[in-house]
Each structure stands twice: as structure tokens, then as C-alpha cells.
Amino acid sequence: EALRDALGRFEPRLGRIYVGGLRVLE
């Protein structure tokens, strides 16, 4: 969660891409 938020602070789509890559594995 902290990494997602940190990526999002750099650029919002970075956090979304990261979580999307994790979500598809579910």
C-alpha cells in the first residue's frame, strides 16, 4: 500500500499500473 501511494505521488497512473498487475493474479 505504501509503495502504491509512493508511486502515485510521482504520477497517479504508476500506482494504478502496479495494483493492476497484482490484481490480475487474483
PDB file of all heavy atoms in Angstrom:
ATOM      1  N   GLU A   1       0.831  -1.196   0.000  1.00  0.00           N
ATOM      2  CA  GLU A   1       0.000   0.000   0.000  1.00  0.00           C
ATOM      3  C   GLU A   1       0.873   1.257   0.000  1.00  0.00           C
ATOM      4  O   GLU A   1       0.587   2.227  -0.707  1.00  0.00           O
ATOM      5  CB  GLU A   1      -0.924   0.006   1.213  1.00  0.00           C
ATOM      6  CG  GLU A   1      -2.030  -1.042   1.144  1.00  0.00           C
ATOM      7  CD  GLU A   1      -2.921  -1.020   2.377  1.00  0.00           C
ATOM      8  OE1 GLU A   1      -2.507  -0.376   3.373  1.00  0.00           O
ATOM      9  OE2 GLU A   1      -4.002  -1.628   2.343  1.00  0.00           O
ATOM     10  N   ALA A   2       1.937   1.227   0.802  1.00  0.00           N
ATOM     11  CA  ALA A   2       2.836   2.377   0.858  1.00  0.00           C
ATOM     12  C   ALA A   2       3.540   2.585  -0.477  1.00  0.00           C
ATOM     13  O   ALA A   2       3.714   3.724  -0.932  1.00  0.00           O
ATOM     14  CB  ALA A   2       3.863   2.174   1.975  1.00  0.00           C
ATOM     15  N   LEU A   3       3.929   1.468  -1.129  1.00  0.00           N
ATOM     16  CA  LEU A   3       4.586   1.579  -2.424  1.00  0.00           C
ATOM     17  C   LEU A   3       3.617   2.112  -3.469  1.00  0.00           C
ATOM     18  O   LEU A   3       3.974   2.960  -4.292  1.00  0.00           O
ATOM     19  CB  LEU A   3       5.124   0.208  -2.854  1.00  0.00           C
ATOM     20  CG  LEU A   3       5.809   0.136  -4.231  1.00  0.00           C
ATOM     21  CD1 LEU A   3       6.959   1.136  -4.320  1.00  0.00           C
ATOM     22  CD2 LEU A   3       6.299  -1.278  -4.511  1.00  0.00           C
ATOM     23  N   ARG A   4       2.384   1.621  -3.442  1.00  0.00           N
ATOM     24  CA  ARG A   4       1.361   2.125  -4.359  1.00  0.00           C
ATOM     25  C   ARG A   4       1.183   3.633  -4.202  1.00  0.00           C
ATOM     26  O   ARG A   4       1.130   4.380  -5.194  1.00  0.00           O
ATOM     27  CB  ARG A   4       0.039   1.418  -4.081  1.00  0.00           C
ATOM     28  CG  ARG A   4      -1.159   1.949  -4.882  1.00  0.00           C
ATOM     29  CD  ARG A   4      -2.453   1.615  -4.190  1.00  0.00           C
ATOM     30  NE  ARG A   4      -2.527   2.188  -2.845  1.00  0.00           N
ATOM     31  CZ  ARG A   4      -3.379   1.793  -1.911  1.00  0.00           C
ATOM     32  NH1 ARG A   4      -4.231   0.816  -2.155  1.00  0.00           N
ATOM     33  NH2 ARG A   4      -3.380   2.366  -0.721  1.00  0.00           N
ATOM     34  N   ASP A   5       1.110   4.091  -2.956  1.00  0.00           N
ATOM     35  CA  ASP A   5       0.905   5.511  -2.702  1.00  0.00           C
ATOM     36  C   ASP A   5       2.125   6.326  -3.141  1.00  0.00           C
ATOM     37  O   ASP A   5       1.983   7.431  -3.677  1.00  0.00           O
ATOM     38  CB  ASP A   5       0.627   5.748  -1.219  1.00  0.00           C
ATOM     39  CG  ASP A   5      -0.692   5.119  -0.772  1.00  0.00           C
ATOM     40  OD1 ASP A   5      -1.524   4.813  -1.650  1.00  0.00           O
ATOM     41  OD2 ASP A   5      -0.868   4.909   0.447  1.00  0.00           O
ATOM     42  N   ALA A   6       3.324   5.776  -2.896  1.00  0.00           N
ATOM     43  CA  ALA A   6       4.543   6.484  -3.289  1.00  0.00           C
ATOM     44  C   ALA A   6       4.629   6.612  -4.806  1.00  0.00           C
ATOM     45  O   ALA A   6       4.999   7.661  -5.336  1.00  0.00           O
ATOM     46  CB  ALA A   6       5.770   5.756  -2.741  1.00  0.00           C
ATOM     47  N   LEU A   7       4.282   5.536  -5.512  1.00  0.00           N
ATOM     48  CA  LEU A   7       4.276   5.589  -6.976  1.00  0.00           C
ATOM     49  C   LEU A   7       3.241   6.597  -7.466  1.00  0.00           C
ATOM     50  O   LEU A   7       3.486   7.346  -8.415  1.00  0.00           O
ATOM     51  CB  LEU A   7       3.975   4.204  -7.549  1.00  0.00           C
ATOM     52  CG  LEU A   7       5.068   3.151  -7.388  1.00  0.00           C
ATOM     53  CD1 LEU A   7       4.521   1.762  -7.737  1.00  0.00           C
ATOM     54  CD2 LEU A   7       6.269   3.481  -8.276  1.00  0.00           C
ATOM     55  N   GLY A   8       2.086   6.605  -6.813  1.00  0.00           N
ATOM     56  CA  GLY A   8       1.031   7.533  -7.200  1.00  0.00           C
ATOM     57  C   GLY A   8       1.418   8.982  -7.004  1.00  0.00           C
ATOM     58  O   GLY A   8       0.948   9.857  -7.733  1.00  0.00           O
ATOM     59  N   ARG A   9       2.274   9.252  -6.017  1.00  0.00           N
ATOM     60  CA  ARG A   9       2.714  10.624  -5.804  1.00  0.00           C
ATOM     61  C   ARG A   9       3.625  11.094  -6.929  1.00  0.00           C
ATOM     62  O   ARG A   9       3.637  12.280  -7.267  1.00  0.00           O
ATOM     63  CB  ARG A   9       3.427  10.749  -4.448  1.00  0.00           C
ATOM     64  CG  ARG A   9       2.468  10.765  -3.259  1.00  0.00           C
ATOM     65  CD  ARG A   9       3.159  11.170  -1.986  1.00  0.00           C
ATOM     66  NE  ARG A   9       4.121  10.183  -1.529  1.00  0.00           N
ATOM     67  CZ  ARG A   9       3.824   9.153  -0.749  1.00  0.00           C
ATOM     68  NH1 ARG A   9       2.572   8.975  -0.347  1.00  0.00           N
ATOM     69  NH2 ARG A   9       4.750   8.302  -0.360  1.00  0.00           N
ATOM     70  N   PHE A  10       4.397  10.177  -7.500  1.00  0.00           N
ATOM     71  CA  PHE A  10       5.210  10.535  -8.656  1.00  0.00           C
ATOM     72  C   PHE A  10       4.321  10.808  -9.861  1.00  0.00           C
ATOM     73  O   PHE A  10       4.483  11.802 -10.572  1.00  0.00           O
ATOM     74  CB  PHE A  10       6.203   9.406  -8.992  1.00  0.00           C
ATOM     75  CG  PHE A  10       7.518   9.536  -8.303  1.00  0.00           C
ATOM     76  CD1 PHE A  10       7.801   8.786  -7.177  1.00  0.00           C
ATOM     77  CD2 PHE A  10       8.473  10.413  -8.766  1.00  0.00           C
ATOM     78  CE1 PHE A  10       9.015   8.909  -6.530  1.00  0.00           C
ATOM     79  CE2 PHE A  10       9.693  10.542  -8.137  1.00  0.00           C
ATOM     80  CZ  PHE A  10       9.964   9.793  -7.002  1.00  0.00           C
ATOM     81  N   GLU A  11       3.379   9.906 -10.080  1.00  0.00           N
ATOM     82  CA  GLU A  11       2.459  10.033 -11.199  1.00  0.00           C
ATOM     83  C   GLU A  11       1.280   9.098 -10.912  1.00  0.00           C
ATOM     84  O   GLU A  11       1.490   7.905 -10.678  1.00  0.00           O
ATOM     85  CB  GLU A  11       3.157   9.638 -12.508  1.00  0.00           C
ATOM     86  CG  GLU A  11       2.414  10.061 -13.745  1.00  0.00           C
ATOM     87  CD  GLU A  11       3.233   9.851 -15.010  1.00  0.00           C
ATOM     88  OE1 GLU A  11       4.481   9.882 -14.931  1.00  0.00           O
ATOM     89  OE2 GLU A  11       2.619   9.629 -16.063  1.00  0.00           O
ATOM     90  N   PRO A  12       0.066   9.602 -10.908  1.00  0.00           N
ATOM     91  CA  PRO A  12      -1.087   8.783 -10.498  1.00  0.00           C
ATOM     92  C   PRO A  12      -1.190   7.441 -11.215  1.00  0.00           C
ATOM     93  O   PRO A  12      -1.532   6.437 -10.582  1.00  0.00           O
ATOM     94  CB  PRO A  12      -2.281   9.685 -10.819  1.00  0.00           C
ATOM     95  CG  PRO A  12      -1.739  11.072 -10.700  1.00  0.00           C
ATOM     96  CD  PRO A  12      -0.321  10.987 -11.202  1.00  0.00           C
ATOM     97  N   ARG A  13      -0.892   7.403 -12.503  1.00  0.00           N
ATOM     98  CA  ARG A  13      -1.071   6.145 -13.228  1.00  0.00           C
ATOM     99  C   ARG A  13      -0.084   5.071 -12.786  1.00  0.00           C
ATOM    100  O   ARG A  13      -0.332   3.886 -12.984  1.00  0.00           O
ATOM    101  CB  ARG A  13      -0.943   6.361 -14.735  1.00  0.00           C
ATOM    102  CG  ARG A  13       0.409   6.873 -15.199  1.00  0.00           C
ATOM    103  CD  ARG A  13       0.469   6.986 -16.703  1.00  0.00           C
ATOM    104  NE  ARG A  13       1.711   7.586 -17.144  1.00  0.00           N
ATOM    105  CZ  ARG A  13       2.096   7.671 -18.417  1.00  0.00           C
ATOM    106  NH1 ARG A  13       1.320   7.183 -19.356  1.00  0.00           N
ATOM    107  NH2 ARG A  13       3.233   8.230 -18.752  1.00  0.00           N
ATOM    108  N   LEU A  14       1.041   5.452 -12.195  1.00  0.00           N
ATOM    109  CA  LEU A  14       2.021   4.455 -11.772  1.00  0.00           C
ATOM    110  C   LEU A  14       1.440   3.550 -10.696  1.00  0.00           C
ATOM    111  O   LEU A  14       1.625   2.324 -10.723  1.00  0.00           O
ATOM    112  CB  LEU A  14       3.294   5.134 -11.262  1.00  0.00           C
ATOM    113  CG  LEU A  14       4.095   5.947 -12.275  1.00  0.00           C
ATOM    114  CD1 LEU A  14       5.344   6.529 -11.622  1.00  0.00           C
ATOM    115  CD2 LEU A  14       4.476   5.102 -13.481  1.00  0.00           C
ATOM    116  N   GLY A  15       0.743   4.133  -9.736  1.00  0.00           N
ATOM    117  CA  GLY A  15       0.112   3.328  -8.701  1.00  0.00           C
ATOM    118  C   GLY A  15      -0.962   2.414  -9.272  1.00  0.00           C
ATOM    119  O   GLY A  15      -1.098   1.261  -8.847  1.00  0.00           O
ATOM    120  N   ARG A  16      -1.713   2.911 -10.249  1.00  0.00           N
ATOM    121  CA  ARG A  16      -2.764   2.097 -10.864  1.00  0.00           C
ATOM    122  C   ARG A  16      -2.176   0.931 -11.653  1.00  0.00           C
ATOM    123  O   ARG A  16      -2.703  -0.189 -11.608  1.00  0.00           O
ATOM    124  CB  ARG A  16      -3.634   2.968 -11.778  1.00  0.00           C
ATOM    125  CG  ARG A  16      -4.409   4.053 -11.051  1.00  0.00           C
ATOM    126  CD  ARG A  16      -5.508   4.621 -11.939  1.00  0.00           C
ATOM    127  NE  ARG A  16      -4.981   5.229 -13.151  1.00  0.00           N
ATOM    128  CZ  ARG A  16      -4.678   6.513 -13.253  1.00  0.00           C
ATOM    129  NH1 ARG A  16      -4.840   7.319 -12.227  1.00  0.00           N
ATOM    130  NH2 ARG A  16      -4.230   7.005 -14.398  1.00  0.00           N
ATOM    131  N   ILE A  17      -1.101   1.181 -12.380  1.00  0.00           N
ATOM    132  CA  ILE A  17      -0.462   0.111 -13.156  1.00  0.00           C
ATOM    133  C   ILE A  17       0.045  -0.983 -12.221  1.00  0.00           C
ATOM    134  O   ILE A  17      -0.117  -2.179 -12.485  1.00  0.00           O
ATOM    135  CB  ILE A  17       0.692   0.675 -14.010  1.00  0.00           C
ATOM    136  CG1 ILE A  17       0.142   1.610 -15.099  1.00  0.00           C
ATOM    137  CG2 ILE A  17       1.493  -0.459 -14.660  1.00  0.00           C
ATOM    138  CD1 ILE A  17       1.219   2.346 -15.864  1.00  0.00           C
ATOM    139  N   TYR A  18       0.659  -0.566 -11.126  1.00  0.00           N
ATOM    140  CA  TYR A  18       1.200  -1.520 -10.153  1.00  0.00           C
ATOM    141  C   TYR A  18       0.103  -2.398  -9.566  1.00  0.00           C
ATOM    142  O   TYR A  18       0.204  -3.637  -9.569  1.00  0.00           O
ATOM    143  CB  TYR A  18       1.934  -0.741  -9.054  1.00  0.00           C
ATOM    144  CG  TYR A  18       2.308  -1.547  -7.844  1.00  0.00           C
ATOM    145  CD1 TYR A  18       3.091  -2.700  -7.950  1.00  0.00           C
ATOM    146  CD2 TYR A  18       1.881  -1.155  -6.572  1.00  0.00           C
ATOM    147  CE1 TYR A  18       3.432  -3.434  -6.827  1.00  0.00           C
ATOM    148  CE2 TYR A  18       2.224  -1.875  -5.448  1.00  0.00           C
ATOM    149  CZ  TYR A  18       2.998  -3.022  -5.579  1.00  0.00           C
ATOM    150  OH  TYR A  18       3.341  -3.751  -4.463  1.00  0.00           O
ATOM    151  N   VAL A  19      -0.971  -1.772  -9.081  1.00  0.00           N
ATOM    152  CA  VAL A  19      -2.060  -2.543  -8.486  1.00  0.00           C
ATOM    153  C   VAL A  19      -2.746  -3.402  -9.540  1.00  0.00           C
ATOM    154  O   VAL A  19      -3.157  -4.537  -9.260  1.00  0.00           O
ATOM    155  CB  VAL A  19      -3.078  -1.601  -7.805  1.00  0.00           C
ATOM    156  CG1 VAL A  19      -4.287  -2.383  -7.322  1.00  0.00           C
ATOM    157  CG2 VAL A  19      -2.421  -0.881  -6.633  1.00  0.00           C
ATOM    158  N   GLY A  20      -2.861  -2.904 -10.759  1.00  0.00           N
ATOM    159  CA  GLY A  20      -3.460  -3.702 -11.831  1.00  0.00           C
ATOM    160  C   GLY A  20      -2.682  -4.972 -12.095  1.00  0.00           C
ATOM    161  O   GLY A  20      -3.266  -6.034 -12.340  1.00  0.00           O
ATOM    162  N   GLY A  21      -1.340  -4.872 -12.036  1.00  0.00           N
ATOM    163  CA  GLY A  21      -0.521  -6.059 -12.233  1.00  0.00           C
ATOM    164  C   GLY A  21      -0.690  -7.081 -11.139  1.00  0.00           C
ATOM    165  O   GLY A  21      -0.550  -8.290 -11.364  1.00  0.00           O
ATOM    166  N   LEU A  22      -0.979  -6.619  -9.921  1.00  0.00           N
ATOM    167  CA  LEU A  22      -1.239  -7.532  -8.808  1.00  0.00           C
ATOM    168  C   LEU A  22      -2.654  -8.101  -8.891  1.00  0.00           C
ATOM    169  O   LEU A  22      -2.876  -9.282  -8.616  1.00  0.00           O
ATOM    170  CB  LEU A  22      -1.063  -6.797  -7.476  1.00  0.00           C
ATOM    171  CG  LEU A  22       0.332  -6.255  -7.163  1.00  0.00           C
ATOM    172  CD1 LEU A  22       0.313  -5.487  -5.850  1.00  0.00           C
ATOM    173  CD2 LEU A  22       1.366  -7.379  -7.110  1.00  0.00           C
ATOM    174  N   ARG A  23      -3.580  -7.278  -9.288  1.00  0.00           N
ATOM    175  CA  ARG A  23      -4.981  -7.683  -9.288  1.00  0.00           C
ATOM    176  C   ARG A  23      -5.249  -8.809 -10.282  1.00  0.00           C
ATOM    177  O   ARG A  23      -6.031  -9.722  -9.991  1.00  0.00           O
ATOM    178  CB  ARG A  23      -5.866  -6.481  -9.620  1.00  0.00           C
ATOM    179  CG  ARG A  23      -7.352  -6.805  -9.631  1.00  0.00           C
ATOM    180  CD  ARG A  23      -8.194  -5.558  -9.654  1.00  0.00           C
ATOM    181  NE  ARG A  23      -9.611  -5.875  -9.562  1.00  0.00           N
ATOM    182  CZ  ARG A  23     -10.568  -4.986  -9.362  1.00  0.00           C
ATOM    183  NH1 ARG A  23     -10.257  -3.707  -9.215  1.00  0.00           N
ATOM    184  NH2 ARG A  23     -11.834  -5.347  -9.292  1.00  0.00           N
ATOM    185  N   VAL A  24      -4.633  -8.764 -11.435  1.00  0.00           N
ATOM    186  CA  VAL A  24      -4.909  -9.792 -12.446  1.00  0.00           C
ATOM    187  C   VAL A  24      -4.488 -11.172 -11.956  1.00  0.00           C
ATOM    188  O   VAL A  24      -5.027 -12.187 -12.395  1.00  0.00           O
ATOM    189  CB  VAL A  24      -4.201  -9.432 -13.783  1.00  0.00           C
ATOM    190  CG1 VAL A  24      -2.693  -9.631 -13.673  1.00  0.00           C
ATOM    191  CG2 VAL A  24      -4.764 -10.253 -14.933  1.00  0.00           C
ATOM    192  N   LEU A  25      -3.552 -11.230 -11.014  1.00  0.00           N
ATOM    193  CA  LEU A  25      -3.107 -12.519 -10.486  1.00  0.00           C
ATOM    194  C   LEU A  25      -4.121 -13.152  -9.545  1.00  0.00           C
ATOM    195  O   LEU A  25      -3.965 -14.310  -9.159  1.00  0.00           O
ATOM    196  CB  LEU A  25      -1.766 -12.355  -9.758  1.00  0.00           C
ATOM    197  CG  LEU A  25      -0.558 -12.049 -10.647  1.00  0.00           C
ATOM    198  CD1 LEU A  25       0.704 -11.925  -9.814  1.00  0.00           C
ATOM    199  CD2 LEU A  25      -0.374 -13.129 -11.707  1.00  0.00           C
ATOM    200  N   GLU A  26      -5.142 -12.396  -9.169  1.00  0.00           N
ATOM    201  CA  GLU A  26      -6.181 -12.944  -8.306  1.00  0.00           C
ATOM    202  C   GLU A  26      -7.229 -13.733  -9.086  1.00  0.00           C
ATOM    203  O   GLU A  26      -8.090 -14.377  -8.498  1.00  0.00           O
ATOM    204  CB  GLU A  26      -6.865 -11.806  -7.542  1.00  0.00           C
ATOM    205  CG  GLU A  26      -5.927 -10.981  -6.680  1.00  0.00           C
ATOM    206  CD  GLU A  26      -5.256 -11.808  -5.605  1.00  0.00           C
ATOM    207  OE1 GLU A  26      -5.952 -12.618  -4.966  1.00  0.00           O
ATOM    208  OE2 GLU A  26      -4.033 -11.658  -5.408  1.00  0.00           O
TER     209      GLU A  26
END
